[in-house]
Protein backbone atom coordinates (compact mmCIF):
# COMPACT_ATOMS: atom_id res chain seq x y z
CA MET A 1 120.60 96.98 117.14
CA GLN A 2 118.55 97.10 113.95
CA THR A 3 120.11 97.54 110.56
CA THR A 4 118.99 100.42 108.38
CA GLU A 5 117.11 97.96 106.19
CA GLN A 6 115.22 96.54 109.19
CA LYS A 7 114.31 100.02 110.44
CA LEU A 8 113.12 101.02 106.99
CA THR A 9 111.07 97.84 106.62
CA ASN A 10 109.54 98.29 110.08
CA THR A 11 108.63 101.89 109.31
CA LEU A 12 107.30 101.27 105.82
CA GLN A 13 105.04 98.42 106.89
CA TYR A 14 102.61 101.09 108.07
CA SER A 15 102.92 103.14 104.91
CA PHE A 16 101.10 103.19 101.65
CA LEU A 17 103.67 103.37 98.91
CA ILE A 18 102.41 104.70 95.59
CA LEU A 19 105.03 104.18 92.94
CA TRP A 20 105.21 104.50 89.17
CA LYS A 21 106.52 101.26 87.66
CA GLU A 22 108.16 102.14 84.38
CA ASP A 23 108.43 98.52 83.24
CA LYS A 24 104.67 97.94 83.75
CA GLN A 25 103.64 101.49 82.82
CA LYS A 26 101.33 101.44 85.84
CA TRP A 27 100.95 102.98 89.25
CA VAL A 28 101.45 100.43 92.02
CA VAL A 29 100.04 100.88 95.53
CA ASP A 30 101.54 98.70 98.23
CA CYS A 31 100.97 98.28 101.96
CA GLN A 32 102.82 95.40 103.60
CA LEU A 33 100.84 95.39 106.83
CA LEU A 34 97.44 95.19 105.16
CA LYS A 35 98.70 92.99 102.33
CA ILE A 36 97.45 95.45 99.73
CA GLU A 37 98.90 95.57 96.25
CA ILE A 38 97.04 97.47 93.56
CA GLU A 39 97.91 98.35 89.98
CA ALA A 40 96.28 101.24 88.14
CA ASP A 41 96.73 103.16 84.92
CA THR A 42 96.38 106.60 86.50
CA TYR A 43 97.28 108.08 89.88
CA LYS A 44 93.63 108.97 90.42
CA ASP A 45 92.58 105.36 89.78
CA ALA A 46 95.28 104.16 92.18
CA LEU A 47 93.91 106.38 94.96
CA ASP A 48 90.30 105.45 94.17
CA LYS A 49 91.10 101.74 94.30
CA LEU A 50 93.03 102.19 97.55
CA MET A 51 90.15 104.04 99.23
CA LEU A 52 87.64 101.40 98.13
CA LYS A 53 89.92 98.63 99.36
CA LEU A 54 90.26 100.33 102.77
CA LEU A 55 86.52 100.90 103.08
CA ARG A 56 85.84 97.23 102.37
CA HIS A 57 88.72 95.88 104.44
CA LYS A 58 87.82 93.88 107.55
CA PHE A 59 90.41 94.95 110.11
CA SER A 60 91.13 92.34 112.76
CA ASP A 61 91.70 93.12 116.43
CA ASP A 62 95.24 91.82 115.95
CA PHE A 63 95.86 94.62 113.48
CA PHE A 64 95.02 97.29 116.06
CA ASP A 65 96.91 95.47 118.81
CA LEU A 66 100.02 95.38 116.63
CA ILE A 67 99.77 99.11 115.93
CA GLU A 68 99.40 99.90 119.63
CA LEU A 69 102.33 97.65 120.55
CA ASP A 70 104.61 99.31 118.02
CA LYS A 71 103.46 102.77 119.12
CA LYS A 72 104.73 101.99 122.60
CA ASP A 73 108.05 100.79 121.17
CA TYR A 74 108.47 104.01 119.19
CA LEU A 75 107.72 106.16 122.22
CA ARG A 76 110.49 104.42 124.18
CA GLU A 77 113.18 105.23 121.60
């Protein structure tokens, strides 16, 4: 059985987290699965940088295989 932390980590690896970091006074965009971490001064800049990064990203076949594998696992639960 997975712990709550493991379930959260597994779920969030497919998410784009956009957070305000008070200590840095910046917006931070993070995606664990794609290994994306972006810092921006405004929310708009954060989204713009994320979209550009996604458009330029070279997705491997392994990436899509992993998504499909996990989709099957989620459907079984």
